[in-house]
């Protein structure tokens, strides 16, 4: 599975803008250039884990949210993720998804 640096950068940008912060603010916090922040947000430059952790802390979110777009601190994040997947499926895939879900419930019920 390839890392999508553009999506990570876009999530950083969206979160930053949502907080009313500028690239200048982020660059200052990281002690890097504004150009570097711009490259990160566009996915031109690959972000390392230390930088991602610093950005996540500055944005007040988890690294997982920036990597996947899912906030695991929300109680219903798995339901939202399952719904997101379901909405991308064709009719046959949806039926298979539901059948697998029913099998999981049946098997889990037998183990109790």
N, C-alpha and C. Protein backbone atom coordinates (compact mmCIF):
# COMPACT_ATOMS: atom_id res chain seq x y z
N UNK A 1 0.84 -1.18 0.00
CA UNK A 1 0.00 0.00 0.00
C UNK A 1 0.90 1.25 0.00
N UNK A 2 0.68 2.10 -0.94
CA UNK A 2 1.48 3.32 -1.07
C UNK A 2 0.94 4.42 -0.16
N UNK A 3 1.84 5.23 0.35
CA UNK A 3 1.46 6.38 1.17
C UNK A 3 1.05 7.51 0.23
N UNK A 4 -0.12 8.07 0.46
CA UNK A 4 -0.62 9.17 -0.37
C UNK A 4 -0.27 10.49 0.31
N UNK A 5 0.89 11.02 -0.03
CA UNK A 5 1.38 12.25 0.59
C UNK A 5 0.53 13.46 0.24
N UNK A 6 -0.10 13.43 -0.93
CA UNK A 6 -0.98 14.54 -1.30
C UNK A 6 -2.19 14.60 -0.39
N UNK A 7 -2.76 13.44 -0.08
CA UNK A 7 -3.94 13.42 0.80
C UNK A 7 -3.56 13.84 2.22
N UNK A 8 -2.42 13.38 2.68
CA UNK A 8 -1.96 13.78 4.01
C UNK A 8 -1.78 15.29 4.05
N UNK A 9 -1.10 15.83 3.03
CA UNK A 9 -0.88 17.27 2.96
C UNK A 9 -2.18 18.04 2.90
N UNK A 10 -3.14 17.51 2.14
CA UNK A 10 -4.44 18.17 2.04
C UNK A 10 -5.15 18.19 3.39
N UNK A 11 -5.05 17.07 4.12
CA UNK A 11 -5.68 17.03 5.45
C UNK A 11 -5.04 18.04 6.40
N UNK A 12 -3.72 18.17 6.31
CA UNK A 12 -3.03 19.16 7.13
C UNK A 12 -3.53 20.56 6.78
N UNK A 13 -3.63 20.83 5.49
CA UNK A 13 -4.07 22.16 5.03
C UNK A 13 -5.50 22.46 5.48
N UNK A 14 -6.38 21.50 5.31
CA UNK A 14 -7.78 21.70 5.69
C UNK A 14 -7.90 21.94 7.19
N UNK A 15 -7.20 21.14 7.96
CA UNK A 15 -7.27 21.30 9.42
C UNK A 15 -6.67 22.65 9.84
N UNK A 16 -5.54 23.01 9.25
CA UNK A 16 -4.89 24.28 9.55
C UNK A 16 -5.81 25.45 9.25
N UNK A 17 -6.40 25.44 8.06
CA UNK A 17 -7.30 26.53 7.66
C UNK A 17 -8.53 26.57 8.55
N UNK A 18 -9.02 25.38 8.93
CA UNK A 18 -10.18 25.31 9.82
C UNK A 18 -9.92 25.96 11.17
N UNK A 19 -8.67 25.96 11.57
CA UNK A 19 -8.28 26.59 12.84
C UNK A 19 -7.94 28.07 12.66
N UNK A 20 -8.03 28.55 11.41
CA UNK A 20 -7.72 29.94 11.14
C UNK A 20 -6.23 30.25 11.20
N UNK A 21 -5.41 29.24 10.99
CA UNK A 21 -3.96 29.41 11.04
C UNK A 21 -3.40 29.48 9.63
N UNK A 22 -2.23 30.10 9.51
CA UNK A 22 -1.60 30.27 8.20
C UNK A 22 -0.40 29.33 8.07
N UNK A 23 0.09 29.22 6.84
CA UNK A 23 1.31 28.45 6.62
C UNK A 23 2.47 29.10 7.37
N UNK A 24 2.46 30.42 7.46
CA UNK A 24 3.49 31.13 8.23
C UNK A 24 3.49 30.68 9.69
N UNK A 25 2.30 30.56 10.27
CA UNK A 25 2.18 30.12 11.67
C UNK A 25 2.77 28.73 11.85
N UNK A 26 2.41 27.82 10.93
CA UNK A 26 2.91 26.45 11.02
C UNK A 26 4.41 26.40 10.82
N UNK A 27 4.90 27.14 9.84
CA UNK A 27 6.35 27.17 9.57
C UNK A 27 7.11 27.66 10.80
N UNK A 28 6.59 28.68 11.44
CA UNK A 28 7.24 29.22 12.63
C UNK A 28 7.26 28.19 13.76
N UNK A 29 6.14 27.49 13.93
CA UNK A 29 6.06 26.49 14.99
C UNK A 29 7.03 25.33 14.76
N UNK A 30 7.25 24.99 13.50
CA UNK A 30 8.13 23.88 13.15
C UNK A 30 9.58 24.32 12.95
N UNK A 31 9.80 25.63 12.91
CA UNK A 31 11.13 26.19 12.61
C UNK A 31 11.61 25.74 11.23
N UNK A 32 10.70 25.86 10.26
CA UNK A 32 11.02 25.55 8.86
C UNK A 32 10.54 26.71 8.00
N UNK A 33 10.81 26.63 6.71
CA UNK A 33 10.38 27.69 5.81
C UNK A 33 8.91 27.51 5.41
N UNK A 34 8.31 28.60 4.99
CA UNK A 34 6.93 28.54 4.49
C UNK A 34 6.89 27.68 3.23
N UNK A 35 7.93 27.76 2.42
CA UNK A 35 8.01 26.94 1.21
C UNK A 35 7.96 25.45 1.52
N UNK A 36 8.62 25.06 2.61
CA UNK A 36 8.60 23.65 3.03
C UNK A 36 7.19 23.24 3.44
N UNK A 37 6.51 24.08 4.20
CA UNK A 37 5.14 23.79 4.60
C UNK A 37 4.25 23.67 3.36
N UNK A 38 4.43 24.56 2.41
CA UNK A 38 3.66 24.52 1.16
C UNK A 38 3.90 23.20 0.43
N UNK A 39 5.15 22.77 0.38
CA UNK A 39 5.47 21.51 -0.29
C UNK A 39 4.83 20.33 0.43
N UNK A 40 4.83 20.35 1.77
CA UNK A 40 4.18 19.28 2.54
C UNK A 40 2.69 19.24 2.24
N UNK A 41 2.07 20.40 2.25
CA UNK A 41 0.62 20.45 2.04
C UNK A 41 0.22 20.04 0.62
N UNK A 42 1.10 20.22 -0.33
CA UNK A 42 0.82 19.81 -1.71
C UNK A 42 1.26 18.38 -1.98
N UNK A 43 1.93 17.76 -1.02
CA UNK A 43 2.39 16.38 -1.19
C UNK A 43 3.62 16.27 -2.06
N UNK A 44 4.29 17.37 -2.29
CA UNK A 44 5.50 17.38 -3.11
C UNK A 44 6.66 16.79 -2.33
N UNK A 45 6.73 17.08 -1.04
CA UNK A 45 7.77 16.59 -0.15
C UNK A 45 7.17 15.53 0.75
N UNK A 46 7.88 14.41 0.90
CA UNK A 46 7.43 13.35 1.79
C UNK A 46 7.65 13.78 3.23
N UNK A 47 6.63 13.58 4.04
CA UNK A 47 6.70 13.99 5.44
C UNK A 47 7.23 12.83 6.28
N UNK A 48 8.12 13.12 7.23
CA UNK A 48 8.60 12.06 8.12
C UNK A 48 7.73 12.03 9.37
N UNK A 49 7.86 10.96 10.14
CA UNK A 49 6.99 10.77 11.31
C UNK A 49 7.19 11.82 12.38
N UNK A 50 8.42 12.26 12.58
CA UNK A 50 8.66 13.30 13.59
C UNK A 50 7.95 14.59 13.22
N UNK A 51 8.03 14.96 11.96
CA UNK A 51 7.37 16.18 11.50
C UNK A 51 5.86 16.02 11.56
N UNK A 52 5.36 14.86 11.17
CA UNK A 52 3.92 14.60 11.23
C UNK A 52 3.43 14.69 12.68
N UNK A 53 4.20 14.14 13.61
CA UNK A 53 3.81 14.20 15.03
C UNK A 53 3.79 15.65 15.52
N UNK A 54 4.77 16.44 15.11
CA UNK A 54 4.82 17.85 15.53
C UNK A 54 3.63 18.62 14.95
N UNK A 55 3.30 18.35 13.69
CA UNK A 55 2.16 19.02 13.06
C UNK A 55 0.86 18.61 13.73
N UNK A 56 0.71 17.32 14.00
CA UNK A 56 -0.52 16.84 14.65
C UNK A 56 -0.69 17.50 16.01
N UNK A 57 0.39 17.58 16.78
CA UNK A 57 0.32 18.23 18.09
C UNK A 57 -0.07 19.69 17.94
N UNK A 58 0.51 20.38 16.97
CA UNK A 58 0.23 21.80 16.74
C UNK A 58 -1.22 22.00 16.30
N UNK A 59 -1.74 21.04 15.51
CA UNK A 59 -3.12 21.13 15.04
C UNK A 59 -4.12 20.61 16.08
N UNK A 60 -3.63 19.95 17.12
CA UNK A 60 -4.52 19.42 18.15
C UNK A 60 -5.28 18.19 17.71
N UNK A 61 -4.62 17.34 16.93
CA UNK A 61 -5.27 16.11 16.48
C UNK A 61 -4.27 14.97 16.56
N UNK A 62 -4.72 13.78 16.27
CA UNK A 62 -3.84 12.63 16.26
C UNK A 62 -3.19 12.44 14.90
N UNK A 63 -2.05 11.80 14.90
CA UNK A 63 -1.38 11.49 13.63
C UNK A 63 -2.27 10.63 12.75
N UNK A 64 -3.03 9.73 13.38
CA UNK A 64 -3.90 8.85 12.61
C UNK A 64 -4.92 9.63 11.79
N UNK A 65 -5.39 10.72 12.33
CA UNK A 65 -6.36 11.54 11.60
C UNK A 65 -5.72 12.14 10.34
N UNK A 66 -4.48 12.57 10.46
CA UNK A 66 -3.79 13.14 9.30
C UNK A 66 -3.43 12.06 8.28
N UNK A 67 -3.09 10.87 8.77
CA UNK A 67 -2.73 9.77 7.87
C UNK A 67 -3.93 9.18 7.16
N UNK A 68 -5.02 8.98 7.90
CA UNK A 68 -6.16 8.25 7.34
C UNK A 68 -7.40 9.08 7.10
N UNK A 69 -7.46 10.24 7.73
CA UNK A 69 -8.67 11.05 7.63
C UNK A 69 -9.74 10.63 8.61
N UNK A 70 -9.41 9.68 9.49
CA UNK A 70 -10.37 9.17 10.47
C UNK A 70 -9.93 9.58 11.86
N UNK A 71 -10.84 10.15 12.61
CA UNK A 71 -10.57 10.53 13.99
C UNK A 71 -10.98 9.38 14.89
N UNK A 72 -10.01 8.60 15.37
CA UNK A 72 -10.32 7.42 16.17
C UNK A 72 -10.80 7.76 17.56
N UNK A 73 -10.74 9.03 17.94
CA UNK A 73 -11.25 9.43 19.24
C UNK A 73 -12.76 9.59 19.23
N UNK A 74 -13.36 9.65 18.05
CA UNK A 74 -14.82 9.68 17.96
C UNK A 74 -15.32 8.28 18.22
N UNK A 75 -16.34 8.16 19.03
CA UNK A 75 -16.85 6.86 19.39
C UNK A 75 -17.38 6.05 18.22
N UNK A 76 -17.88 6.70 17.22
CA UNK A 76 -18.51 5.99 16.10
C UNK A 76 -17.65 6.02 14.82
N UNK A 77 -16.33 6.19 14.97
CA UNK A 77 -15.49 6.31 13.79
C UNK A 77 -15.53 5.06 12.93
N UNK A 78 -15.67 3.87 13.55
CA UNK A 78 -15.72 2.64 12.76
C UNK A 78 -16.99 2.58 11.92
N UNK A 79 -18.10 3.03 12.47
CA UNK A 79 -19.35 3.05 11.71
C UNK A 79 -19.23 4.00 10.53
N UNK A 80 -18.61 5.15 10.77
CA UNK A 80 -18.42 6.11 9.68
C UNK A 80 -17.52 5.54 8.59
N UNK A 81 -16.47 4.83 9.00
CA UNK A 81 -15.54 4.24 8.04
C UNK A 81 -16.24 3.13 7.25
N UNK A 82 -17.03 2.30 7.92
CA UNK A 82 -17.77 1.24 7.24
C UNK A 82 -18.76 1.84 6.23
N UNK A 83 -19.44 2.91 6.63
CA UNK A 83 -20.37 3.57 5.73
C UNK A 83 -19.65 4.16 4.52
N UNK A 84 -18.48 4.75 4.75
CA UNK A 84 -17.70 5.33 3.65
C UNK A 84 -17.34 4.24 2.64
N UNK A 85 -16.91 3.07 3.15
CA UNK A 85 -16.59 1.96 2.25
C UNK A 85 -17.82 1.47 1.51
N UNK A 86 -18.91 1.31 2.25
CA UNK A 86 -20.16 0.81 1.68
C UNK A 86 -20.64 1.70 0.53
N UNK A 87 -20.52 3.00 0.71
CA UNK A 87 -20.99 3.94 -0.32
C UNK A 87 -20.16 3.87 -1.60
N UNK A 88 -18.96 3.33 -1.52
CA UNK A 88 -18.11 3.22 -2.70
C UNK A 88 -18.34 1.93 -3.48
N UNK A 89 -19.14 1.03 -2.94
CA UNK A 89 -19.32 -0.29 -3.53
C UNK A 89 -20.45 -0.32 -4.54
N UNK A 90 -20.33 -1.27 -5.48
CA UNK A 90 -21.44 -1.52 -6.40
C UNK A 90 -22.43 -2.45 -5.68
N UNK A 91 -23.53 -2.75 -6.31
CA UNK A 91 -24.60 -3.53 -5.68
C UNK A 91 -24.13 -4.91 -5.24
N UNK A 92 -23.37 -5.59 -6.07
CA UNK A 92 -22.87 -6.93 -5.74
C UNK A 92 -21.92 -6.87 -4.54
N UNK A 93 -21.05 -5.88 -4.51
CA UNK A 93 -20.12 -5.74 -3.39
C UNK A 93 -20.87 -5.42 -2.09
N UNK A 94 -21.92 -4.63 -2.19
CA UNK A 94 -22.72 -4.31 -1.01
C UNK A 94 -23.37 -5.56 -0.43
N UNK A 95 -23.89 -6.41 -1.30
CA UNK A 95 -24.52 -7.65 -0.83
C UNK A 95 -23.49 -8.55 -0.14
N UNK A 96 -22.30 -8.64 -0.70
CA UNK A 96 -21.23 -9.44 -0.11
C UNK A 96 -20.82 -8.86 1.24
N UNK A 97 -20.69 -7.56 1.32
CA UNK A 97 -20.33 -6.86 2.56
C UNK A 97 -21.34 -7.20 3.66
N UNK A 98 -22.62 -7.13 3.33
CA UNK A 98 -23.67 -7.42 4.30
C UNK A 98 -23.66 -8.89 4.71
N UNK A 99 -23.44 -9.78 3.75
CA UNK A 99 -23.39 -11.22 4.06
C UNK A 99 -22.22 -11.53 4.99
N UNK A 100 -21.09 -10.91 4.75
CA UNK A 100 -19.93 -11.12 5.63
C UNK A 100 -20.22 -10.59 7.03
N UNK A 101 -20.86 -9.44 7.11
CA UNK A 101 -21.24 -8.89 8.40
C UNK A 101 -22.17 -9.81 9.17
N UNK A 102 -23.14 -10.38 8.46
CA UNK A 102 -24.06 -11.32 9.11
C UNK A 102 -23.33 -12.57 9.58
N UNK A 103 -22.38 -13.06 8.78
CA UNK A 103 -21.59 -14.23 9.18
C UNK A 103 -20.77 -13.92 10.43
N UNK A 104 -20.19 -12.75 10.50
CA UNK A 104 -19.41 -12.36 11.67
C UNK A 104 -20.28 -12.36 12.92
N UNK A 105 -21.46 -11.78 12.81
CA UNK A 105 -22.38 -11.76 13.96
C UNK A 105 -22.80 -13.18 14.37
N UNK A 106 -23.06 -14.02 13.38
CA UNK A 106 -23.47 -15.40 13.68
C UNK A 106 -22.34 -16.16 14.36
N UNK A 107 -21.13 -16.07 13.84
CA UNK A 107 -19.99 -16.77 14.41
C UNK A 107 -19.67 -16.25 15.81
N UNK A 108 -19.70 -14.95 15.99
CA UNK A 108 -19.44 -14.35 17.30
C UNK A 108 -20.48 -14.79 18.31
N UNK A 109 -21.73 -14.91 17.86
CA UNK A 109 -22.80 -15.38 18.75
C UNK A 109 -22.62 -16.82 19.18
N UNK A 110 -22.06 -17.65 18.29
CA UNK A 110 -21.83 -19.06 18.62
C UNK A 110 -20.69 -19.23 19.61
N UNK A 111 -19.76 -18.29 19.62
CA UNK A 111 -18.59 -18.39 20.49
C UNK A 111 -18.91 -17.96 21.92
N UNK A 112 -19.99 -17.26 22.13
CA UNK A 112 -20.33 -16.77 23.48
C UNK A 112 -20.89 -17.83 24.35
